[in-house]
PDB file of N, CA and C in Angstrom:
ATOM      1  N   UNK A   1       0.697  -1.022   0.233  1.00  0.00           N
ATOM      2  CA  UNK A   1      -0.054  -0.063   0.108  1.00  0.00           C
ATOM      3  C   UNK A   1       1.133   1.277  -0.083  1.00  0.00           C
ATOM      4  N   UNK A   2       2.005   1.648   0.903  1.00  0.00           N
ATOM      5  CA  UNK A   2       2.588   2.703   1.194  1.00  0.00           C
ATOM      6  C   UNK A   2       3.676   2.518  -0.157  1.00  0.00           C
ATOM      7  N   UNK A   3       3.429   1.294  -1.089  1.00  0.00           N
ATOM      8  CA  UNK A   3       4.474   1.600  -2.473  1.00  0.00           C
ATOM      9  C   UNK A   3       3.991   2.544  -3.822  1.00  0.00           C
ATOM     10  N   UNK A   4       2.370   2.736  -3.093  1.00  0.00           N
ATOM     11  CA  UNK A   4       2.253   4.109  -4.463  1.00  0.00           C
ATOM     12  C   UNK A   4       2.439   5.131  -3.990  1.00  0.00           C
ATOM     13  N   UNK A   5       3.098   5.682  -3.322  1.00  0.00           N
ATOM     14  CA  UNK A   5       3.403   7.096  -2.221  1.00  0.00           C
ATOM     15  C   UNK A   5       4.889   7.190  -2.417  1.00  0.00           C
ATOM     16  N   UNK A   6       5.383   8.242  -2.345  1.00  0.00           N
ATOM     17  CA  UNK A   6       6.855   8.460  -2.927  1.00  0.00           C
ATOM     18  C   UNK A   6       7.686   8.427  -1.362  1.00  0.00           C
ATOM     19  N   UNK A   7       8.829   8.086  -1.127  1.00  0.00           N
ATOM     20  CA  UNK A   7       9.732   7.989  -0.659  1.00  0.00           C
ATOM     21  C   UNK A   7       8.928   9.437   0.894  1.00  0.00           C
ATOM     22  N   UNK A   8       9.099  10.437   0.397  1.00  0.00           N
ATOM     23  CA  UNK A   8       8.965  12.000   1.711  1.00  0.00           C
ATOM     24  C   UNK A   8       7.571  11.209   2.004  1.00  0.00           C
ATOM     25  N   UNK A   9       7.178  10.766   1.099  1.00  0.00           N
ATOM     26  CA  UNK A   9       5.125  10.349   1.656  1.00  0.00           C
ATOM     27  C   UNK A   9       5.156   9.874   2.601  1.00  0.00           C
ATOM     28  N   UNK A  10       5.745   8.487   2.231  1.00  0.00           N
ATOM     29  CA  UNK A  10       5.924   7.263   2.551  1.00  0.00           C
ATOM     30  C   UNK A  10       6.612   7.586   4.338  1.00  0.00           C
ATOM     31  N   UNK A  11       7.604   8.796   4.731  1.00  0.00           N
ATOM     32  CA  UNK A  11       7.842   9.081   5.580  1.00  0.00           C
ATOM     33  C   UNK A  11       6.891   9.613   6.668  1.00  0.00           C
ATOM     34  N   UNK A  12       5.875  10.680   5.690  1.00  0.00           N
ATOM     35  CA  UNK A  12       5.070  11.463   6.334  1.00  0.00           C
ATOM     36  C   UNK A  12       4.206  10.901   7.137  1.00  0.00           C
ATOM     37  N   UNK A  13       3.755   9.700   6.380  1.00  0.00           N
ATOM     38  CA  UNK A  13       2.648   8.868   7.088  1.00  0.00           C
ATOM     39  C   UNK A  13       3.078   8.180   8.131  1.00  0.00           C
ATOM     40  N   UNK A  14       4.455   7.478   8.201  1.00  0.00           N
ATOM     41  CA  UNK A  14       4.694   7.079   9.182  1.00  0.00           C
ATOM     42  C   UNK A  14       4.743   7.959  10.498  1.00  0.00           C
ATOM     43  N   UNK A  15       5.463   8.994  10.573  1.00  0.00           N
ATOM     44  CA  UNK A  15       5.549   9.595  11.258  1.00  0.00           C
ATOM     45  C   UNK A  15       4.142  10.172  11.492  1.00  0.00           C
ATOM     46  N   UNK A  16       2.854   9.829  11.062  1.00  0.00           N
ATOM     47  CA  UNK A  16       1.416  10.240  11.658  1.00  0.00           C
ATOM     48  C   UNK A  16       1.048   9.221  12.510  1.00  0.00           C
ATOM     49  N   UNK A  17       1.326   8.298  11.995  1.00  0.00           N
ATOM     50  CA  UNK A  17       0.895   6.600  12.523  1.00  0.00           C
ATOM     51  C   UNK A  17       1.714   6.248  14.077  1.00  0.00           C
ATOM     52  N   UNK A  18       2.990   6.867  14.192  1.00  0.00           N
ATOM     53  CA  UNK A  18       3.975   6.940  14.753  1.00  0.00           C
ATOM     54  C   UNK A  18       3.615   7.819  15.863  1.00  0.00           C
ATOM     55  N   UNK A  19       2.875   8.977  15.504  1.00  0.00           N
ATOM     56  CA  UNK A  19       2.119  10.097  16.421  1.00  0.00           C
ATOM     57  C   UNK A  19       0.934   9.867  17.067  1.00  0.00           C
ATOM     58  N   UNK A  20       0.106   9.366  16.467  1.00  0.00           N
ATOM     59  CA  UNK A  20      -1.641   9.194  16.751  1.00  0.00           C
ATOM     60  C   UNK A  20      -2.022   9.536  17.664  1.00  0.00           C
ATOM     61  N   UNK A  21      -1.188   9.166  18.917  1.00  0.00           N
ATOM     62  CA  UNK A  21      -1.878   9.150  20.430  1.00  0.00           C
ATOM     63  C   UNK A  21      -1.671  10.861  20.619  1.00  0.00           C
ATOM     64  N   UNK A  22      -0.564  11.017  20.578  1.00  0.00           N
ATOM     65  CA  UNK A  22      -0.061  12.429  20.588  1.00  0.00           C
ATOM     66  C   UNK A  22      -0.963  13.959  19.564  1.00  0.00           C
ATOM     67  N   UNK A  23      -1.284  13.208  18.484  1.00  0.00           N
ATOM     68  CA  UNK A  23      -2.112  14.134  17.883  1.00  0.00           C
ATOM     69  C   UNK A  23      -3.716  14.046  18.421  1.00  0.00           C
ATOM     70  N   UNK A  24      -3.741  12.806  18.966  1.00  0.00           N
ATOM     71  CA  UNK A  24      -5.519  12.352  19.339  1.00  0.00           C
ATOM     72  C   UNK A  24      -5.420  13.584  20.457  1.00  0.00           C
ATOM     73  N   UNK A  25      -4.144  13.017  21.914  1.00  0.00           N
ATOM     74  CA  UNK A  25      -4.523  13.834  23.094  1.00  0.00           C
ATOM     75  C   UNK A  25      -4.368  15.720  22.606  1.00  0.00           C
ATOM     76  N   UNK A  26      -3.530  15.880  21.708  1.00  0.00           N
ATOM     77  CA  UNK A  26      -3.671  17.166  21.512  1.00  0.00           C
ATOM     78  C   UNK A  26      -5.443  17.789  20.458  1.00  0.00           C
ATOM     79  N   UNK A  27      -6.271  17.036  19.906  1.00  0.00           N
ATOM     80  CA  UNK A  27      -7.186  17.364  19.161  1.00  0.00           C
ATOM     81  C   UNK A  27      -7.706  17.109  20.402  1.00  0.00           C
ATOM     82  N   UNK A  28      -7.922  16.595  21.517  1.00  0.00           N
ATOM     83  CA  UNK A  28      -9.567  16.667  22.463  1.00  0.00           C
ATOM     84  C   UNK A  28      -8.828  17.576  23.484  1.00  0.00           C
ATOM     85  N   UNK A  29      -7.287  18.048  23.394  1.00  0.00           N
ATOM     86  CA  UNK A  29      -7.411  19.687  24.568  1.00  0.00           C
ATOM     87  C   UNK A  29      -7.682  20.468  23.369  1.00  0.00           C
ATOM     88  N   UNK A  30      -8.026  20.589  22.187  1.00  0.00           N
ATOM     89  CA  UNK A  30      -8.632  21.566  21.598  1.00  0.00           C
ATOM     90  C   UNK A  30      -9.909  21.902  22.161  1.00  0.00           C
ATOM     91  N   UNK A  31     -10.342  20.466  21.476  1.00  0.00           N
ATOM     92  CA  UNK A  31     -12.121  20.687  22.126  1.00  0.00           C
ATOM     93  C   UNK A  31     -13.002  21.036  23.125  1.00  0.00           C
ATOM     94  N   UNK A  32     -11.787  20.651  24.332  1.00  0.00           N
ATOM     95  CA  UNK A  32     -12.022  21.126  26.212  1.00  0.00           C
ATOM     96  C   UNK A  32     -11.798  23.004  25.340  1.00  0.00           C
ATOM     97  N   UNK A  33     -10.999  23.384  24.820  1.00  0.00           N
ATOM     98  CA  UNK A  33     -11.256  24.976  24.688  1.00  0.00           C
ATOM     99  C   UNK A  33     -12.554  25.254  23.569  1.00  0.00           C
ATOM    100  N   UNK A  34     -12.505  24.574  22.849  1.00  0.00           N
ATOM    101  CA  UNK A  34     -13.935  24.851  21.898  1.00  0.00           C
ATOM    102  C   UNK A  34     -15.179  24.351  23.328  1.00  0.00           C
ATOM    103  N   UNK A  35     -14.671  23.758  23.833  1.00  0.00           N
ATOM    104  CA  UNK A  35     -16.350  23.553  24.433  1.00  0.00           C
ATOM    105  C   UNK A  35     -16.821  24.401  25.464  1.00  0.00           C
ATOM    106  N   UNK A  36     -15.812  24.858  26.258  1.00  0.00           N
ATOM    107  CA  UNK A  36     -15.880  26.015  26.822  1.00  0.00           C
ATOM    108  C   UNK A  36     -16.640  27.687  26.386  1.00  0.00           C
ATOM    109  N   UNK A  37     -15.995  27.284  24.863  1.00  0.00           N
ATOM    110  CA  UNK A  37     -17.132  28.599  24.165  1.00  0.00           C
ATOM    111  C   UNK A  37     -18.389  28.397  23.764  1.00  0.00           C
ATOM    112  N   UNK A  38     -18.422  27.464  23.742  1.00  0.00           N
ATOM    113  CA  UNK A  38     -19.705  26.497  22.502  1.00  0.00           C
ATOM    114  C   UNK A  38     -20.851  26.794  23.086  1.00  0.00           C
ATOM    115  N   UNK A  39     -21.705  26.740  22.501  1.00  0.00           N
ATOM    116  CA  UNK A  39     -23.513  26.791  22.897  1.00  0.00           C
ATOM    117  C   UNK A  39     -24.093  26.294  21.795  1.00  0.00           C
ATOM    118  N   UNK A  40     -25.300  25.454  22.578  1.00  0.00           N
ATOM    119  CA  UNK A  40     -26.598  24.617  21.856  1.00  0.00           C
ATOM    120  C   UNK A  40     -25.652  23.859  20.825  1.00  0.00           C
ATOM    121  N   UNK A  41     -26.246  23.682  19.453  1.00  0.00           N
ATOM    122  CA  UNK A  41     -25.936  22.620  18.903  1.00  0.00           C
ATOM    123  C   UNK A  41     -24.433  22.238  18.337  1.00  0.00           C
ATOM    124  N   UNK A  42     -23.734  23.315  18.408  1.00  0.00           N
ATOM    125  CA  UNK A  42     -22.380  23.384  18.099  1.00  0.00           C
ATOM    126  C   UNK A  42     -21.867  22.175  19.693  1.00  0.00           C
ATOM    127  N   UNK A  43     -22.140  22.581  20.645  1.00  0.00           N
ATOM    128  CA  UNK A  43     -21.665  22.300  21.782  1.00  0.00           C
ATOM    129  C   UNK A  43     -22.242  20.323  21.761  1.00  0.00           C
ATOM    130  N   UNK A  44     -22.852  20.005  21.064  1.00  0.00           N
ATOM    131  CA  UNK A  44     -23.196  18.795  20.938  1.00  0.00           C
ATOM    132  C   UNK A  44     -22.630  17.800  20.331  1.00  0.00           C
ATOM    133  N   UNK A  45     -22.411  18.572  19.040  1.00  0.00           N
ATOM    134  CA  UNK A  45     -20.995  18.407  18.111  1.00  0.00           C
ATOM    135  C   UNK A  45     -20.082  17.914  18.802  1.00  0.00           C
ATOM    136  N   UNK A  46     -19.335  19.088  19.655  1.00  0.00           N
ATOM    137  CA  UNK A  46     -18.121  19.046  20.063  1.00  0.00           C
ATOM    138  C   UNK A  46     -18.154  17.699  20.342  1.00  0.00           C
ATOM    139  N   UNK A  47     -19.069  17.492  21.661  1.00  0.00           N
ATOM    140  CA  UNK A  47     -19.352  16.542  22.659  1.00  0.00           C
ATOM    141  C   UNK A  47     -19.310  15.193  22.133  1.00  0.00           C
ATOM    142  N   UNK A  48     -19.622  14.964  20.907  1.00  0.00           N
ATOM    143  CA  UNK A  48     -19.042  13.790  19.984  1.00  0.00           C
ATOM    144  C   UNK A  48     -18.094  13.584  19.764  1.00  0.00           C
ATOM    145  N   UNK A  49     -17.751  14.228  18.801  1.00  0.00           N
ATOM    146  CA  UNK A  49     -15.831  14.795  18.188  1.00  0.00           C
ATOM    147  C   UNK A  49     -15.030  14.080  19.688  1.00  0.00           C
ATOM    148  N   UNK A  50     -15.851  14.378  20.805  1.00  0.00           N
ATOM    149  CA  UNK A  50     -15.150  14.856  21.946  1.00  0.00           C
ATOM    150  C   UNK A  50     -14.924  12.871  22.602  1.00  0.00           C
ATOM    151  N   UNK A  51     -16.062  12.258  22.165  1.00  0.00           N
ATOM    152  CA  UNK A  51     -16.229  10.726  22.576  1.00  0.00           C
ATOM    153  C   UNK A  51     -15.072  10.277  21.392  1.00  0.00           C
ATOM    154  N   UNK A  52     -15.275  10.433  20.035  1.00  0.00           N
ATOM    155  CA  UNK A  52     -14.486   9.715  19.262  1.00  0.00           C
ATOM    156  C   UNK A  52     -13.198   9.946  19.338  1.00  0.00           C
ATOM    157  N   UNK A  53     -13.114  11.349  19.954  1.00  0.00           N
ATOM    158  CA  UNK A  53     -11.177  11.120  20.353  1.00  0.00           C
ATOM    159  C   UNK A  53     -10.578  10.597  21.521  1.00  0.00           C
ATOM    160  N   UNK A  54     -11.933  10.102  21.868  1.00  0.00           N
ATOM    161  CA  UNK A  54     -11.387   9.633  23.251  1.00  0.00           C
ATOM    162  C   UNK A  54     -11.137   7.863  22.877  1.00  0.00           C
ATOM    163  N   UNK A  55     -12.276   7.391  22.507  1.00  0.00           N
ATOM    164  CA  UNK A  55     -12.104   6.174  21.373  1.00  0.00           C
ATOM    165  C   UNK A  55     -10.808   5.654  21.151  1.00  0.00           C
ATOM    166  N   UNK A  56     -10.519   6.968  20.067  1.00  0.00           N
ATOM    167  CA  UNK A  56      -9.078   6.479  19.534  1.00  0.00           C
ATOM    168  C   UNK A  56      -8.359   6.046  20.347  1.00  0.00           C
ATOM    169  N   UNK A  57      -7.990   7.421  21.508  1.00  0.00           N
ATOM    170  CA  UNK A  57      -6.826   7.259  22.487  1.00  0.00           C
ATOM    171  C   UNK A  57      -6.887   5.541  23.729  1.00  0.00           C
ATOM    172  N   UNK A  58      -8.175   4.981  23.336  1.00  0.00           N
ATOM    173  CA  UNK A  58      -8.652   3.989  23.561  1.00  0.00           C
ATOM    174  C   UNK A  58      -9.031   4.257  25.328  1.00  0.00           C
ATOM    175  N   UNK A  59      -9.591   5.280  26.103  1.00  0.00           N
ATOM    176  CA  UNK A  59     -10.003   5.492  27.287  1.00  0.00           C
ATOM    177  C   UNK A  59     -11.025   4.621  27.620  1.00  0.00           C
ATOM    178  N   UNK A  60     -11.668   3.784  28.596  1.00  0.00           N
ATOM    179  CA  UNK A  60     -12.642   3.202  28.451  1.00  0.00           C
ATOM    180  C   UNK A  60     -13.909   3.662  28.263  1.00  0.00           C
ATOM    181  N   UNK A  61     -14.670   2.494  27.921  1.00  0.00           N
ATOM    182  CA  UNK A  61     -16.284   3.098  27.521  1.00  0.00           C
ATOM    183  C   UNK A  61     -17.083   3.733  28.828  1.00  0.00           C
ATOM    184  N   UNK A  62     -16.691   2.463  29.882  1.00  0.00           N
ATOM    185  CA  UNK A  62     -16.864   3.412  31.066  1.00  0.00           C
ATOM    186  C   UNK A  62     -16.909   4.979  31.321  1.00  0.00           C
ATOM    187  N   UNK A  63     -15.695   5.224  30.836  1.00  0.00           N
ATOM    188  CA  UNK A  63     -15.017   6.954  31.338  1.00  0.00           C
ATOM    189  C   UNK A  63     -16.169   7.441  30.758  1.00  0.00           C
ATOM    190  N   UNK A  64     -15.695   6.986  28.994  1.00  0.00           N
ATOM    191  CA  UNK A  64     -16.070   8.109  28.046  1.00  0.00           C
ATOM    192  C   UNK A  64     -17.807   8.469  28.463  1.00  0.00           C
ATOM    193  N   UNK A  65     -18.648   7.068  28.810  1.00  0.00           N
ATOM    194  CA  UNK A  65     -19.806   7.271  28.719  1.00  0.00           C
ATOM    195  C   UNK A  65     -20.348   8.512  30.248  1.00  0.00           C
ATOM    196  N   UNK A  66     -19.458   8.355  31.436  1.00  0.00           N
ATOM    197  CA  UNK A  66     -19.648   9.398  32.288  1.00  0.00           C
ATOM    198  C   UNK A  66     -18.823  10.494  31.992  1.00  0.00           C
ATOM    199  N   UNK A  67     -18.416  10.544  31.452  1.00  0.00           N
ATOM    200  CA  UNK A  67     -17.788  12.289  30.643  1.00  0.00           C
ATOM    201  C   UNK A  67     -19.244  13.128  29.648  1.00  0.00           C
ATOM    202  N   UNK A  68     -19.252  12.194  28.883  1.00  0.00           N
ATOM    203  CA  UNK A  68     -20.282  12.447  27.997  1.00  0.00           C
ATOM    204  C   UNK A  68     -21.175  12.812  28.821  1.00  0.00           C
ATOM    205  N   UNK A  69     -21.815  12.168  29.577  1.00  0.00           N
ATOM    206  CA  UNK A  69     -23.103  12.327  30.772  1.00  0.00           C
ATOM    207  C   UNK A  69     -23.234  13.613  31.403  1.00  0.00           C
ATOM    208  N   UNK A  70     -21.749  13.647  31.818  1.00  0.00           N
ATOM    209  CA  UNK A  70     -21.800  14.553  32.939  1.00  0.00           C
ATOM    210  C   UNK A  70     -21.814  16.462  31.940  1.00  0.00           C
ATOM    211  N   UNK A  71     -21.125  16.143  30.630  1.00  0.00           N
ATOM    212  CA  UNK A  71     -21.330  17.003  29.986  1.00  0.00           C
ATOM    213  C   UNK A  71     -20.131  18.116  30.626  1.00  0.00           C
ATOM    214  N   UNK A  72     -18.998  17.900  31.593  1.00  0.00           N
ATOM    215  CA  UNK A  72     -18.516  19.112  32.014  1.00  0.00           C
ATOM    216  C   UNK A  72     -17.245  19.064  31.531  1.00  0.00           C
ATOM    217  N   UNK A  73     -17.191  20.148  30.704  1.00  0.00           N
ATOM    218  CA  UNK A  73     -15.808  20.215  30.251  1.00  0.00           C
ATOM    219  C   UNK A  73     -14.378  20.232  31.268  1.00  0.00           C
ATOM    220  N   UNK A  74     -14.707  20.791  32.413  1.00  0.00           N
ATOM    221  CA  UNK A  74     -13.427  20.501  33.502  1.00  0.00           C
ATOM    222  C   UNK A  74     -13.286  19.074  33.999  1.00  0.00           C
ATOM    223  N   UNK A  75     -14.365  18.484  33.333  1.00  0.00           N
ATOM    224  CA  UNK A  75     -13.868  17.260  33.841  1.00  0.00           C
ATOM    225  C   UNK A  75     -12.991  16.561  32.416  1.00  0.00           C
ATOM    226  N   UNK A  76     -13.312  16.987  31.478  1.00  0.00           N
ATOM    227  CA  UNK A  76     -12.523  16.244  30.198  1.00  0.00           C
ATOM    228  C   UNK A  76     -11.242  16.882  30.478  1.00  0.00           C
ATOM    229  N   UNK A  77     -10.941  18.229  30.979  1.00  0.00           N
ATOM    230  CA  UNK A  77      -9.845  18.464  31.040  1.00  0.00           C
ATOM    231  C   UNK A  77      -8.762  18.165  32.009  1.00  0.00           C
ATOM    232  N   UNK A  78      -9.330  17.449  32.950  1.00  0.00           N
ATOM    233  CA  UNK A  78      -8.666  16.446  33.928  1.00  0.00           C
ATOM    234  C   UNK A  78      -7.946  15.713  33.516  1.00  0.00           C
ATOM    235  N   UNK A  79      -8.993  14.746  32.423  1.00  0.00           N
ATOM    236  CA  UNK A  79      -8.103  13.555  31.165  1.00  0.00           C
ATOM    237  C   UNK A  79      -7.681  13.880  30.759  1.00  0.00           C
ATOM    238  N   UNK A  80      -7.860  15.029  29.917  1.00  0.00           N
ATOM    239  CA  UNK A  80      -6.265  15.358  28.796  1.00  0.00           C
ATOM    240  C   UNK A  80      -5.386  16.021  29.758  1.00  0.00           C
ATOM    241  N   UNK A  81      -5.038  16.139  31.106  1.00  0.00           N
ATOM    242  CA  UNK A  81      -3.723  16.551  31.757  1.00  0.00           C
ATOM    243  C   UNK A  81      -3.526  14.888  32.286  1.00  0.00           C
ATOM    244  N   UNK A  82      -4.041  13.934  32.529  1.00  0.00           N
ATOM    245  CA  UNK A  82      -4.331  12.950  32.908  1.00  0.00           C
ATOM    246  C   UNK A  82      -3.207  12.358  31.398  1.00  0.00           C
ATOM    247  N   UNK A  83      -3.683  12.206  30.662  1.00  0.00           N
ATOM    248  CA  UNK A  83      -3.085  11.916  29.131  1.00  0.00           C
ATOM    249  C   UNK A  83      -1.778  12.580  29.063  1.00  0.00           C
ATOM    250  N   UNK A  84      -1.895  13.670  28.926  1.00  0.00           N
ATOM    251  CA  UNK A  84      -0.547  14.616  28.371  1.00  0.00           C
ATOM    252  C   UNK A  84       0.614  13.854  29.777  1.00  0.00           C
ATOM    253  N   UNK A  85       0.430  13.739  30.971  1.00  0.00           N
ATOM    254  CA  UNK A  85       1.151  14.012  32.268  1.00  0.00           C
ATOM    255  C   UNK A  85       2.044  12.931  32.535  1.00  0.00           C
TER     256      UNK A  85
END
């Protein structure tokens, strides 16, 4: 599959997948900031995105469900701090 790409592109793809956990954690941190500022339907979409990001980071389903049920950005920020710490 990687044979379809140039050597340069292959290196970029490999670096992306080697750092996917850090990228997902950073995205989750950005979502926390956005959640503090969002309202209405946008806030709901952001929580859905946060759930998907947590799944990528292999956060236990029970914890994801708890955070989504509470819808408290401060709790999500605590998880981000834990993941990055």
